[in-house]
Amino acid sequence: MALVIVSRVHPSSDVWAPEMRRLMPEIDVRYWPDVGNPDEVDAVLMWQAPDGLFDRLPKLKAIFATGAGVDAILGDASVPKHLPLARLVDPSMTAEMSEYVTLQVLRFHRQEPTYAAQQRDRVWKVHPQPHPEQRRIGVMGLGELGQDALGKLAPFGFALGGWSRTPKALEGVETFSGSDGFARFLARTDILVNLLPLTAETENIIDARLLGQLPEGAFLVNCARGRHVVDDDLLAALDSGRLAGAALDVFREEPLPADHRFWSHPRVILTPHAAALTNPLTATPQIVENLRRVQAGQPLVNLVDRSRGY
């Protein structure tokens, strides 16, 4: 059983392979581009495919993504469509994402950006604080990440809502689905959290039309994908004051260009795609499980439905 790892990290400092070998001693780990005998390679672990990867691995049986999002792989025409693709559902990553969402929701709820600006200007002014029940949180995307984030927010007493492509019922959450429920979901959302997968249907979803359907003075938290957002539309909403603030962790171009207005906008909180990082120690058991399934000819765990994009 041979696995090729595509990584920018030098093999001497890589943490994937030692944990894989501990859990599966018979595994043969190789690093791109040193694949050895290509006919022996059964699977590849990667985020994006380097040029020529699949031409050099003719006997490949499966592709494992190093994250929950697989848009970079699905959007690559060189990736063979017949190969099963498994995304990574890492419990550590899920927990980190919920921490980030909770941090930003509380930051906006408790008016931290306003008080931070007042501190810089030496202004002593107290603002009325809404009760959590008056603060309506809306999560777009009710998969594993969205449901976990809502569960972490529940103890604070917020009015929780969620939207998904198909109907879902969640305890303590007002749920909406499909195009029919989208406008009603947005109209009742004061802090919008985007946790949607990136697909052809969701690309550019956060545009002027969507932002215009949120209540005046709403906030945006985007920790899904940068291509969900039309940058100019978001900047226009922030400039006009229609949107009171945005916490952004993902961007159309990464690293974010130094001259992009997001860096300096007074209503933007920016982090460098750091909301949730894959932890090899907690993610490796899933990869090893899928390697054993490849070996046994069984379906993969967290298999991607290519027609849906996730």
C-alpha atoms as a PDB file:
ATOM      1  CA  MET A   1       0.000   0.000   0.000  1.00  0.00           C
ATOM      2  CA  ALA A   2       1.778   3.131  -1.250  1.00  0.00           C
ATOM      3  CA  LEU A   3       0.601   6.703  -0.698  1.00  0.00           C
ATOM      4  CA  VAL A   4       2.039   9.840  -2.296  1.00  0.00           C
ATOM      5  CA  ILE A   5       1.881  13.044  -0.250  1.00  0.00           C
ATOM      6  CA  VAL A   6       1.833  16.353  -2.130  1.00  0.00           C
ATOM      7  CA  SER A   7       3.087  18.963   0.322  1.00  0.00           C
ATOM      8  CA  ARG A   8       5.149  22.142   0.483  1.00  0.00           C
ATOM      9  CA  VAL A   9       6.605  20.890   3.759  1.00  0.00           C
ATOM     10  CA  HIS A  10       9.966  19.130   3.540  1.00  0.00           C
ATOM     11  CA  PRO A  11       9.643  15.394   4.287  1.00  0.00           C
ATOM     12  CA  SER A  12      12.042  15.703   7.221  1.00  0.00           C
ATOM     13  CA  SER A  13       9.585  17.972   9.056  1.00  0.00           C
ATOM     14  CA  ASP A  14       6.353  16.386   7.839  1.00  0.00           C
ATOM     15  CA  VAL A  15       4.055  15.116  10.598  1.00  0.00           C
ATOM     16  CA  TRP A  16       1.672  13.086   8.431  1.00  0.00           C
ATOM     17  CA  ALA A  17       3.946  10.161   7.660  1.00  0.00           C
ATOM     18  CA  PRO A  18       5.088   9.276  11.216  1.00  0.00           C
ATOM     19  CA  GLU A  19       1.496   9.152  12.442  1.00  0.00           C
ATOM     20  CA  MET A  20       0.416   7.100   9.411  1.00  0.00           C
ATOM     21  CA  ARG A  21       3.229   4.614   9.984  1.00  0.00           C
ATOM     22  CA  ARG A  22       2.316   4.354  13.647  1.00  0.00           C
ATOM     23  CA  LEU A  23      -1.283   3.466  12.795  1.00  0.00           C
ATOM     24  CA  MET A  24      -0.493   1.439   9.677  1.00  0.00           C
ATOM     25  CA  PRO A  25       3.093   0.103   9.831  1.00  0.00           C
ATOM     26  CA  GLU A  26       2.892  -1.506   6.391  1.00  0.00           C
ATOM     27  CA  ILE A  27       2.218   1.783   4.602  1.00  0.00           C
ATOM     28  CA  ASP A  28       4.782   3.010   2.077  1.00  0.00           C
ATOM     29  CA  VAL A  29       4.749   6.834   2.213  1.00  0.00           C
ATOM     30  CA  ARG A  30       6.312   8.749  -0.655  1.00  0.00           C
ATOM     31  CA  TYR A  31       6.590  12.469  -1.391  1.00  0.00           C
ATOM     32  CA  TRP A  32       5.894  14.171  -4.676  1.00  0.00           C
ATOM     33  CA  PRO A  33       7.748  14.324  -7.004  1.00  0.00           C
ATOM     34  CA  ASP A  34       9.768  11.307  -5.755  1.00  0.00           C
ATOM     35  CA  VAL A  35       7.062   8.716  -6.344  1.00  0.00           C
ATOM     36  CA  GLY A  36       9.326   5.709  -6.922  1.00  0.00           C
ATOM     37  CA  ASN A  37       7.669   3.010  -8.997  1.00  0.00           C
ATOM     38  CA  PRO A  38       4.428   4.734 -10.058  1.00  0.00           C
ATOM     39  CA  ASP A  39       2.637   1.427 -10.607  1.00  0.00           C
ATOM     40  CA  GLU A  40       2.811   0.794  -6.849  1.00  0.00           C
ATOM     41  CA  VAL A  41       1.005   3.999  -5.830  1.00  0.00           C
ATOM     42  CA  ASP A  42      -2.575   3.418  -4.671  1.00  0.00           C
ATOM     43  CA  ALA A  43      -3.612   6.864  -3.353  1.00  0.00           C
ATOM     44  CA  VAL A  44      -2.532  10.497  -3.193  1.00  0.00           C
ATOM     45  CA  LEU A  45      -2.995  12.988  -0.337  1.00  0.00           C
ATOM     46  CA  MET A  46      -3.151  16.583  -1.550  1.00  0.00           C
ATOM     47  CA  TRP A  47      -4.769  20.011  -1.516  1.00  0.00           C
ATOM     48  CA  GLN A  48      -4.055  20.888  -5.155  1.00  0.00           C
ATOM     49  CA  ALA A  49      -2.637  18.760  -7.933  1.00  0.00           C
ATOM     50  CA  PRO A  50       0.798  19.731  -9.278  1.00  0.00           C
ATOM     51  CA  ASP A  51       1.320  19.600 -13.039  1.00  0.00           C
ATOM     52  CA  GLY A  52       1.680  16.058 -14.341  1.00  0.00           C
ATOM     53  CA  LEU A  53       0.589  14.312 -11.153  1.00  0.00           C
ATOM     54  CA  PHE A  54      -2.025  12.035 -12.668  1.00  0.00           C
ATOM     55  CA  ASP A  55      -0.031  11.337 -15.831  1.00  0.00           C
ATOM     56  CA  ARG A  56       2.683   9.857 -13.623  1.00  0.00           C
ATOM     57  CA  LEU A  57       0.360   7.734 -11.461  1.00  0.00           C
ATOM     58  CA  PRO A  58      -1.505   5.449 -13.866  1.00  0.00           C
ATOM     59  CA  LYS A  59      -2.601   2.879 -11.263  1.00  0.00           C
ATOM     60  CA  LEU A  60      -4.021   5.383  -8.782  1.00  0.00           C
ATOM     61  CA  LYS A  61      -7.145   4.151  -6.989  1.00  0.00           C
ATOM     62  CA  ALA A  62      -8.196   7.136  -4.841  1.00  0.00           C
ATOM     63  CA  ILE A  63      -7.601  10.795  -4.014  1.00  0.00           C
ATOM     64  CA  PHE A  64      -7.640  12.109  -0.435  1.00  0.00           C
ATOM     65  CA  ALA A  65      -8.050  15.851   0.188  1.00  0.00           C
ATOM     66  CA  THR A  66      -6.235  17.471   3.102  1.00  0.00           C
ATOM     67  CA  GLY A  67      -9.264  19.581   3.972  1.00  0.00           C
ATOM     68  CA  ALA A  68     -13.049  19.624   4.038  1.00  0.00           C
ATOM     69  CA  GLY A  69     -13.265  21.802   0.930  1.00  0.00           C
ATOM     70  CA  VAL A  70     -12.535  20.147  -2.413  1.00  0.00           C
ATOM     71  CA  ASP A  71     -13.307  22.970  -4.855  1.00  0.00           C
ATOM     72  CA  ALA A  72      -9.640  23.292  -5.866  1.00  0.00           C
ATOM     73  CA  ILE A  73      -9.599  19.618  -6.837  1.00  0.00           C
ATOM     74  CA  LEU A  74     -12.992  19.528  -8.545  1.00  0.00           C
ATOM     75  CA  GLY A  75     -12.131  22.645 -10.531  1.00  0.00           C
ATOM     76  CA  ASP A  76      -8.965  21.053 -11.934  1.00  0.00           C
ATOM     77  CA  ALA A  77      -9.573  19.513 -15.369  1.00  0.00           C
ATOM     78  CA  SER A  78      -6.539  17.245 -14.966  1.00  0.00           C
ATOM     79  CA  VAL A  79      -8.136  15.315 -12.085  1.00  0.00           C
ATOM     80  CA  PRO A  80      -9.573  12.013 -13.396  1.00  0.00           C
ATOM     81  CA  LYS A  81     -13.321  11.954 -12.818  1.00  0.00           C
ATOM     82  CA  HIS A  82     -13.446   8.190 -12.343  1.00  0.00           C
ATOM     83  CA  LEU A  83     -11.288   8.227  -9.207  1.00  0.00           C
ATOM     84  CA  PRO A  84     -13.096   8.323  -5.849  1.00  0.00           C
ATOM     85  CA  LEU A  85     -12.364  11.517  -3.909  1.00  0.00           C
ATOM     86  CA  ALA A  86     -12.620  11.731  -0.120  1.00  0.00           C
ATOM     87  CA  ARG A  87     -12.710  15.007   1.749  1.00  0.00           C
ATOM     88  CA  LEU A  88     -11.294  15.319   5.248  1.00  0.00           C
ATOM     89  CA  VAL A  89     -13.717  15.761   8.132  1.00  0.00           C
ATOM     90  CA  ASP A  90     -11.349  16.451  10.990  1.00  0.00           C
ATOM     91  CA  PRO A  91     -12.963  16.820  14.445  1.00  0.00           C
ATOM     92  CA  SER A  92     -10.192  19.199  15.464  1.00  0.00           C
ATOM     93  CA  MET A  93     -10.817  21.376  12.401  1.00  0.00           C
ATOM     94  CA  THR A  94     -14.551  21.391  13.096  1.00  0.00           C
ATOM     95  CA  ALA A  95     -13.938  22.534  16.667  1.00  0.00           C
ATOM     96  CA  GLU A  96     -11.532  25.260  15.536  1.00  0.00           C
ATOM     97  CA  MET A  97     -14.027  26.548  12.975  1.00  0.00           C
ATOM     98  CA  SER A  98     -16.719  26.761  15.637  1.00  0.00           C
ATOM     99  CA  GLU A  99     -14.280  28.638  17.898  1.00  0.00           C
ATOM    100  CA  TYR A 100     -13.654  31.151  15.128  1.00  0.00           C
ATOM    101  CA  VAL A 101     -17.356  31.604  14.417  1.00  0.00           C
ATOM    102  CA  THR A 102     -18.121  32.038  18.119  1.00  0.00           C
ATOM    103  CA  LEU A 103     -15.279  34.539  18.509  1.00  0.00           C
ATOM    104  CA  GLN A 104     -16.474  36.722  15.638  1.00  0.00           C
ATOM    105  CA  VAL A 105     -20.173  36.516  16.570  1.00  0.00           C
ATOM    106  CA  LEU A 106     -19.391  37.560  20.149  1.00  0.00           C
ATOM    107  CA  ARG A 107     -17.049  40.267  18.903  1.00  0.00           C
ATOM    108  CA  PHE A 108     -19.825  41.842  16.832  1.00  0.00           C
ATOM    109  CA  HIS A 109     -22.543  41.174  19.417  1.00  0.00           C
ATOM    110  CA  ARG A 110     -20.553  42.896  22.197  1.00  0.00           C
ATOM    111  CA  GLN A 111     -19.610  45.783  19.848  1.00  0.00           C
ATOM    112  CA  GLU A 112     -15.902  45.171  20.236  1.00  0.00           C
ATOM    113  CA  PRO A 113     -14.947  46.969  16.976  1.00  0.00           C
ATOM    114  CA  THR A 114     -16.786  50.092  18.164  1.00  0.00           C
ATOM    115  CA  TYR A 115     -15.064  50.082  21.531  1.00  0.00           C
ATOM    116  CA  ALA A 116     -11.676  49.343  19.957  1.00  0.00           C
ATOM    117  CA  ALA A 117     -12.082  52.412  17.716  1.00  0.00           C
ATOM    118  CA  GLN A 118     -13.113  54.487  20.730  1.00  0.00           C
ATOM    119  CA  GLN A 119     -10.005  53.366  22.618  1.00  0.00           C
ATOM    120  CA  ARG A 120      -7.791  54.492  19.736  1.00  0.00           C
ATOM    121  CA  ASP A 121      -9.545  57.885  19.757  1.00  0.00           C
ATOM    122  CA  ARG A 122      -9.667  58.130  23.583  1.00  0.00           C
ATOM    123  CA  VAL A 123     -13.479  58.291  23.550  1.00  0.00           C
ATOM    124  CA  TRP A 124     -15.377  57.258  26.692  1.00  0.00           C
ATOM    125  CA  LYS A 125     -18.881  56.317  25.584  1.00  0.00           C
ATOM    126  CA  VAL A 126     -21.125  53.427  26.598  1.00  0.00           C
ATOM    127  CA  HIS A 127     -23.503  51.969  24.015  1.00  0.00           C
ATOM    128  CA  PRO A 128     -26.748  50.088  24.747  1.00  0.00           C
ATOM    129  CA  GLN A 129     -26.117  46.349  24.644  1.00  0.00           C
ATOM    130  CA  PRO A 130     -28.764  44.166  22.944  1.00  0.00           C
ATOM    131  CA  HIS A 131     -29.834  41.034  24.818  1.00  0.00           C
ATOM    132  CA  PRO A 132     -28.698  37.802  23.091  1.00  0.00           C
ATOM    133  CA  GLU A 133     -32.321  36.940  22.327  1.00  0.00           C
ATOM    134  CA  GLN A 134     -32.487  40.150  20.299  1.00  0.00           C
ATOM    135  CA  ARG A 135     -29.445  39.180  18.228  1.00  0.00           C
ATOM    136  CA  ARG A 136     -30.435  36.938  15.324  1.00  0.00           C
ATOM    137  CA  ILE A 137     -27.611  34.719  14.066  1.00  0.00           C
ATOM    138  CA  GLY A 138     -27.968  33.054  10.664  1.00  0.00           C
ATOM    139  CA  VAL A 139     -25.699  30.277   9.417  1.00  0.00           C
ATOM    140  CA  MET A 140     -25.582  29.476   5.689  1.00  0.00           C
ATOM    141  CA  GLY A 141     -24.693  25.819   5.296  1.00  0.00           C
ATOM    142  CA  LEU A 142     -26.005  23.193   7.693  1.00  0.00           C
ATOM    143  CA  GLY A 143     -23.468  20.442   7.159  1.00  0.00           C
ATOM    144  CA  GLU A 144     -21.116  19.234   9.865  1.00  0.00           C
ATOM    145  CA  LEU A 145     -19.443  22.638  10.277  1.00  0.00           C
ATOM    146  CA  GLY A 146     -22.676  24.626  10.339  1.00  0.00           C
ATOM    147  CA  GLN A 147     -24.419  22.330  12.778  1.00  0.00           C
ATOM    148  CA  ASP A 148     -21.435  22.290  15.131  1.00  0.00           C
ATOM    149  CA  ALA A 149     -21.151  26.097  15.051  1.00  0.00           C
ATOM    150  CA  LEU A 150     -24.842  26.476  15.883  1.00  0.00           C
ATOM    151  CA  GLY A 151     -24.460  24.017  18.730  1.00  0.00           C
ATOM    152  CA  LYS A 152     -21.560  26.031  20.173  1.00  0.00           C
ATOM    153  CA  LEU A 153     -23.553  29.277  19.878  1.00  0.00           C
ATOM    154  CA  ALA A 154     -26.696  27.848  21.505  1.00  0.00           C
ATOM    155  CA  PRO A 155     -25.639  28.322  25.170  1.00  0.00           C
ATOM    156  CA  PHE A 156     -25.325  32.084  24.660  1.00  0.00           C
ATOM    157  CA  GLY A 157     -29.060  32.416  24.068  1.00  0.00           C
ATOM    158  CA  PHE A 158     -28.980  33.918  20.583  1.00  0.00           C
ATOM    159  CA  ALA A 159     -31.931  33.604  18.217  1.00  0.00           C
ATOM    160  CA  LEU A 160     -30.445  30.983  15.905  1.00  0.00           C
ATOM    161  CA  GLY A 161     -31.349  30.404  12.278  1.00  0.00           C
ATOM    162  CA  GLY A 162     -29.922  28.310   9.473  1.00  0.00           C
ATOM    163  CA  TRP A 163     -30.280  27.921   5.730  1.00  0.00           C
ATOM    164  CA  SER A 164     -29.448  24.926   3.552  1.00  0.00           C
ATOM    165  CA  ARG A 165     -30.124  23.741   0.030  1.00  0.00           C
ATOM    166  CA  THR A 166     -32.487  21.034   1.247  1.00  0.00           C
ATOM    167  CA  PRO A 167     -34.744  21.038   4.346  1.00  0.00           C
ATOM    168  CA  LYS A 168     -33.156  20.178   7.713  1.00  0.00           C
ATOM    169  CA  ALA A 169     -34.615  20.165  11.212  1.00  0.00           C
ATOM    170  CA  LEU A 170     -32.336  21.227  14.081  1.00  0.00           C
ATOM    171  CA  GLU A 171     -33.416  21.571  17.691  1.00  0.00           C
ATOM    172  CA  GLY A 172     -33.475  25.190  18.831  1.00  0.00           C
ATOM    173  CA  VAL A 173     -32.777  26.516  15.321  1.00  0.00           C
ATOM    174  CA  GLU A 174     -35.229  28.161  12.942  1.00  0.00           C
ATOM    175  CA  THR A 175     -34.357  26.507   9.631  1.00  0.00           C
ATOM    176  CA  PHE A 176     -34.964  27.623   6.057  1.00  0.00           C
ATOM    177  CA  SER A 177     -34.215  25.891   2.772  1.00  0.00           C
ATOM    178  CA  GLY A 178     -34.076  26.382  -0.954  1.00  0.00           C
ATOM    179  CA  SER A 179     -34.744  29.523  -2.924  1.00  0.00           C
ATOM    180  CA  ASP A 180     -38.171  29.917  -1.325  1.00  0.00           C
ATOM    181  CA  GLY A 181     -36.723  30.263   2.170  1.00  0.00           C
ATOM    182  CA  PHE A 182     -33.620  32.273   1.333  1.00  0.00           C
ATOM    183  CA  ALA A 183     -35.075  35.779   1.440  1.00  0.00           C
ATOM    184  CA  ARG A 184     -36.923  35.067   4.692  1.00  0.00           C
ATOM    185  CA  PHE A 185     -33.707  33.706   6.209  1.00  0.00           C
ATOM    186  CA  LEU A 186     -31.721  36.794   5.262  1.00  0.00           C
ATOM    187  CA  ALA A 187     -34.393  39.216   6.481  1.00  0.00           C
ATOM    188  CA  ARG A 188     -34.206  37.767  10.010  1.00  0.00           C
ATOM    189  CA  THR A 189     -30.383  37.644  10.208  1.00  0.00           C
ATOM    190  CA  ASP A 190     -28.340  40.264  12.058  1.00  0.00           C
ATOM    191  CA  ILE A 191     -25.045  38.354  11.900  1.00  0.00           C
ATOM    192  CA  LEU A 192     -24.636  36.183   8.800  1.00  0.00           C
ATOM    193  CA  VAL A 193     -22.139  33.306   9.005  1.00  0.00           C
ATOM    194  CA  ASN A 194     -21.138  31.642   5.741  1.00  0.00           C
ATOM    195  CA  LEU A 195     -20.138  27.975   5.980  1.00  0.00           C
ATOM    196  CA  LEU A 196     -21.337  26.861   2.546  1.00  0.00           C
ATOM    197  CA  PRO A 197     -19.268  24.610   0.295  1.00  0.00           C
ATOM    198  CA  LEU A 198     -18.053  26.329  -2.857  1.00  0.00           C
ATOM    199  CA  THR A 199     -19.960  25.054  -5.886  1.00  0.00           C
ATOM    200  CA  ALA A 200     -21.122  26.508  -9.188  1.00  0.00           C
ATOM    201  CA  GLU A 201     -24.379  27.433  -7.442  1.00  0.00           C
ATOM    202  CA  THR A 202     -22.765  29.146  -4.434  1.00  0.00           C
ATOM    203  CA  GLU A 203     -19.917  31.030  -6.131  1.00  0.00           C
ATOM    204  CA  ASN A 204     -20.537  34.815  -5.846  1.00  0.00           C
ATOM    205  CA  ILE A 205     -23.564  34.171  -3.624  1.00  0.00           C
ATOM    206  CA  ILE A 206     -22.612  37.034  -1.276  1.00  0.00           C
ATOM    207  CA  ASP A 207     -23.305  39.858  -3.691  1.00  0.00           C
ATOM    208  CA  ALA A 208     -25.158  43.176  -3.655  1.00  0.00           C
ATOM    209  CA  ARG A 209     -28.523  41.438  -3.893  1.00  0.00           C
ATOM    210  CA  LEU A 210     -27.899  39.211  -0.875  1.00  0.00           C
ATOM    211  CA  LEU A 211     -26.359  42.008   1.195  1.00  0.00           C
ATOM    212  CA  GLY A 212     -29.321  44.221   0.346  1.00  0.00           C
ATOM    213  CA  GLN A 213     -31.712  41.679   1.858  1.00  0.00           C
ATOM    214  CA  LEU A 214     -30.011  41.705   5.260  1.00  0.00           C
ATOM    215  CA  PRO A 215     -31.277  44.137   7.901  1.00  0.00           C
ATOM    216  CA  GLU A 216     -29.584  47.533   7.956  1.00  0.00           C
ATOM    217  CA  GLY A 217     -26.450  47.358  10.122  1.00  0.00           C
ATOM    218  CA  ALA A 218     -25.967  43.575   9.819  1.00  0.00           C
ATOM    219  CA  PHE A 219     -22.593  41.833  10.041  1.00  0.00           C
ATOM    220  CA  LEU A 220     -20.926  39.175   7.888  1.00  0.00           C
ATOM    221  CA  VAL A 221     -18.616  36.352   8.981  1.00  0.00           C
ATOM    222  CA  ASN A 222     -17.064  34.505   6.024  1.00  0.00           C
ATOM    223  CA  CYS A 223     -14.868  31.518   6.828  1.00  0.00           C
ATOM    224  CA  ALA A 224     -15.883  29.288   3.909  1.00  0.00           C
ATOM    225  CA  ARG A 225     -14.319  30.387   0.603  1.00  0.00           C
ATOM    226  CA  GLY A 226     -13.267  33.753  -0.800  1.00  0.00           C
ATOM    227  CA  ARG A 227     -15.051  33.139  -4.085  1.00  0.00           C
ATOM    228  CA  HIS A 228     -18.380  33.169  -2.274  1.00  0.00           C
ATOM    229  CA  VAL A 229     -17.984  36.951  -1.988  1.00  0.00           C
ATOM    230  CA  VAL A 230     -18.156  39.616  -4.682  1.00  0.00           C
ATOM    231  CA  ASP A 231     -15.493  41.893  -3.196  1.00  0.00           C
ATOM    232  CA  ASP A 232     -16.679  45.152  -4.760  1.00  0.00           C
ATOM    233  CA  ASP A 233     -20.253  44.537  -3.597  1.00  0.00           C
ATOM    234  CA  LEU A 234     -19.109  43.841  -0.053  1.00  0.00           C
ATOM    235  CA  LEU A 235     -16.912  46.951   0.008  1.00  0.00           C
ATOM    236  CA  ALA A 236     -19.797  49.075  -1.282  1.00  0.00           C
ATOM    237  CA  ALA A 237     -22.077  47.753   1.489  1.00  0.00           C
ATOM    238  CA  LEU A 238     -19.412  48.483   4.110  1.00  0.00           C
ATOM    239  CA  ASP A 239     -18.661  51.944   2.714  1.00  0.00           C
ATOM    240  CA  SER A 240     -22.335  52.909   2.734  1.00  0.00           C
ATOM    241  CA  GLY A 241     -22.843  51.645   6.278  1.00  0.00           C
ATOM    242  CA  ARG A 242     -25.544  49.218   5.198  1.00  0.00           C
ATOM    243  CA  LEU A 243     -23.247  46.482   6.518  1.00  0.00           C
ATOM    244  CA  ALA A 244     -21.769  47.375   9.900  1.00  0.00           C
ATOM    245  CA  GLY A 245     -18.799  45.023   9.710  1.00  0.00           C
ATOM    246  CA  ALA A 246     -17.269  41.895   8.223  1.00  0.00           C
ATOM    247  CA  ALA A 247     -14.917  39.250   9.603  1.00  0.00           C
ATOM    248  CA  LEU A 248     -13.100  37.638   6.674  1.00  0.00           C
ATOM    249  CA  ASP A 249     -10.782  34.642   6.834  1.00  0.00           C
ATOM    250  CA  VAL A 250     -10.825  33.597   3.156  1.00  0.00           C
ATOM    251  CA  PHE A 251     -10.237  35.538  -0.055  1.00  0.00           C
ATOM    252  CA  ARG A 252     -10.415  35.238  -3.824  1.00  0.00           C
ATOM    253  CA  GLU A 253      -6.659  35.565  -4.068  1.00  0.00           C
ATOM    254  CA  GLU A 254      -4.456  34.208  -1.292  1.00  0.00           C
ATOM    255  CA  PRO A 255      -2.237  35.640   0.027  1.00  0.00           C
ATOM    256  CA  LEU A 256      -4.412  38.739  -0.155  1.00  0.00           C
ATOM    257  CA  PRO A 257      -2.643  41.378  -2.319  1.00  0.00           C
ATOM    258  CA  ALA A 258      -1.046  44.130  -0.259  1.00  0.00           C
ATOM    259  CA  ASP A 259      -3.037  46.813  -2.045  1.00  0.00           C
ATOM    260  CA  HIS A 260      -6.456  45.242  -1.463  1.00  0.00           C
ATOM    261  CA  ARG A 261      -8.842  47.512   0.438  1.00  0.00           C
ATOM    262  CA  PHE A 262      -9.797  44.756   2.883  1.00  0.00           C
ATOM    263  CA  TRP A 263      -6.437  45.259   4.634  1.00  0.00           C
ATOM    264  CA  SER A 264      -7.184  48.833   5.655  1.00  0.00           C
ATOM    265  CA  HIS A 265     -10.974  49.009   5.756  1.00  0.00           C
ATOM    266  CA  PRO A 266     -12.087  50.179   9.223  1.00  0.00           C
ATOM    267  CA  ARG A 267     -15.056  47.791   9.228  1.00  0.00           C
ATOM    268  CA  VAL A 268     -13.126  44.653   8.246  1.00  0.00           C
ATOM    269  CA  ILE A 269     -11.555  42.137  10.626  1.00  0.00           C
ATOM    270  CA  LEU A 270      -9.067  40.067   8.642  1.00  0.00           C
ATOM    271  CA  THR A 271      -7.296  36.768   9.327  1.00  0.00           C
ATOM    272  CA  PRO A 272      -5.045  34.856   6.848  1.00  0.00           C
ATOM    273  CA  HIS A 273      -7.129  31.703   6.222  1.00  0.00           C
ATOM    274  CA  ALA A 274      -6.402  30.596   9.766  1.00  0.00           C
ATOM    275  CA  ALA A 275      -9.889  29.916  11.150  1.00  0.00           C
ATOM    276  CA  ALA A 276      -9.409  26.147  11.100  1.00  0.00           C
ATOM    277  CA  LEU A 277      -6.218  24.282  10.261  1.00  0.00           C
ATOM    278  CA  THR A 278      -5.934  20.588   9.519  1.00  0.00           C
ATOM    279  CA  ASN A 279      -4.333  18.737  12.426  1.00  0.00           C
ATOM    280  CA  PRO A 280      -2.504  15.641  11.141  1.00  0.00           C
ATOM    281  CA  LEU A 281      -2.682  13.990  14.565  1.00  0.00           C
ATOM    282  CA  THR A 282      -6.487  14.023  14.600  1.00  0.00           C
ATOM    283  CA  ALA A 283      -6.993  13.684  10.833  1.00  0.00           C
ATOM    284  CA  THR A 284      -4.648  10.770  10.133  1.00  0.00           C
ATOM    285  CA  PRO A 285      -6.955   8.032  11.507  1.00  0.00           C
ATOM    286  CA  GLN A 286      -9.510   8.915   8.814  1.00  0.00           C
ATOM    287  CA  ILE A 287      -6.861   8.729   6.095  1.00  0.00           C
ATOM    288  CA  VAL A 288      -5.635   5.366   7.364  1.00  0.00           C
ATOM    289  CA  GLU A 289      -9.222   4.113   7.473  1.00  0.00           C
ATOM    290  CA  ASN A 290      -9.668   5.118   3.838  1.00  0.00           C
ATOM    291  CA  LEU A 291      -6.379   3.478   2.867  1.00  0.00           C
ATOM    292  CA  ARG A 292      -7.624   0.234   4.372  1.00  0.00           C
ATOM    293  CA  ARG A 293     -10.880   0.658   2.465  1.00  0.00           C
ATOM    294  CA  VAL A 294      -8.970   1.162  -0.784  1.00  0.00           C
ATOM    295  CA  GLN A 295      -7.046  -2.012   0.008  1.00  0.00           C
ATOM    296  CA  ALA A 296     -10.294  -3.917   0.629  1.00  0.00           C
ATOM    297  CA  GLY A 297     -12.172  -2.417  -2.321  1.00  0.00           C
ATOM    298  CA  GLN A 298     -14.714  -0.756  -0.015  1.00  0.00           C
ATOM    299  CA  PRO A 299     -16.408   2.686  -0.354  1.00  0.00           C
ATOM    300  CA  LEU A 300     -14.450   5.587   1.137  1.00  0.00           C
ATOM    301  CA  VAL A 301     -15.420   7.499   4.257  1.00  0.00           C
ATOM    302  CA  ASN A 302     -16.590  11.067   3.478  1.00  0.00           C
ATOM    303  CA  LEU A 303     -16.792  10.310  -0.225  1.00  0.00           C
ATOM    304  CA  VAL A 304     -17.406  13.447  -2.320  1.00  0.00           C
ATOM    305  CA  ASP A 305     -20.480  13.595  -4.520  1.00  0.00           C
ATOM    306  CA  ARG A 306     -19.021  15.247  -7.603  1.00  0.00           C
ATOM    307  CA  SER A 307     -22.460  16.240  -8.901  1.00  0.00           C
ATOM    308  CA  ARG A 308     -23.049  18.294  -5.739  1.00  0.00           C
ATOM    309  CA  GLY A 309     -19.507  19.546  -5.337  1.00  0.00           C
ATOM    310  CA  TYR A 310     -18.961  18.288  -1.778  1.00  0.00           C
END
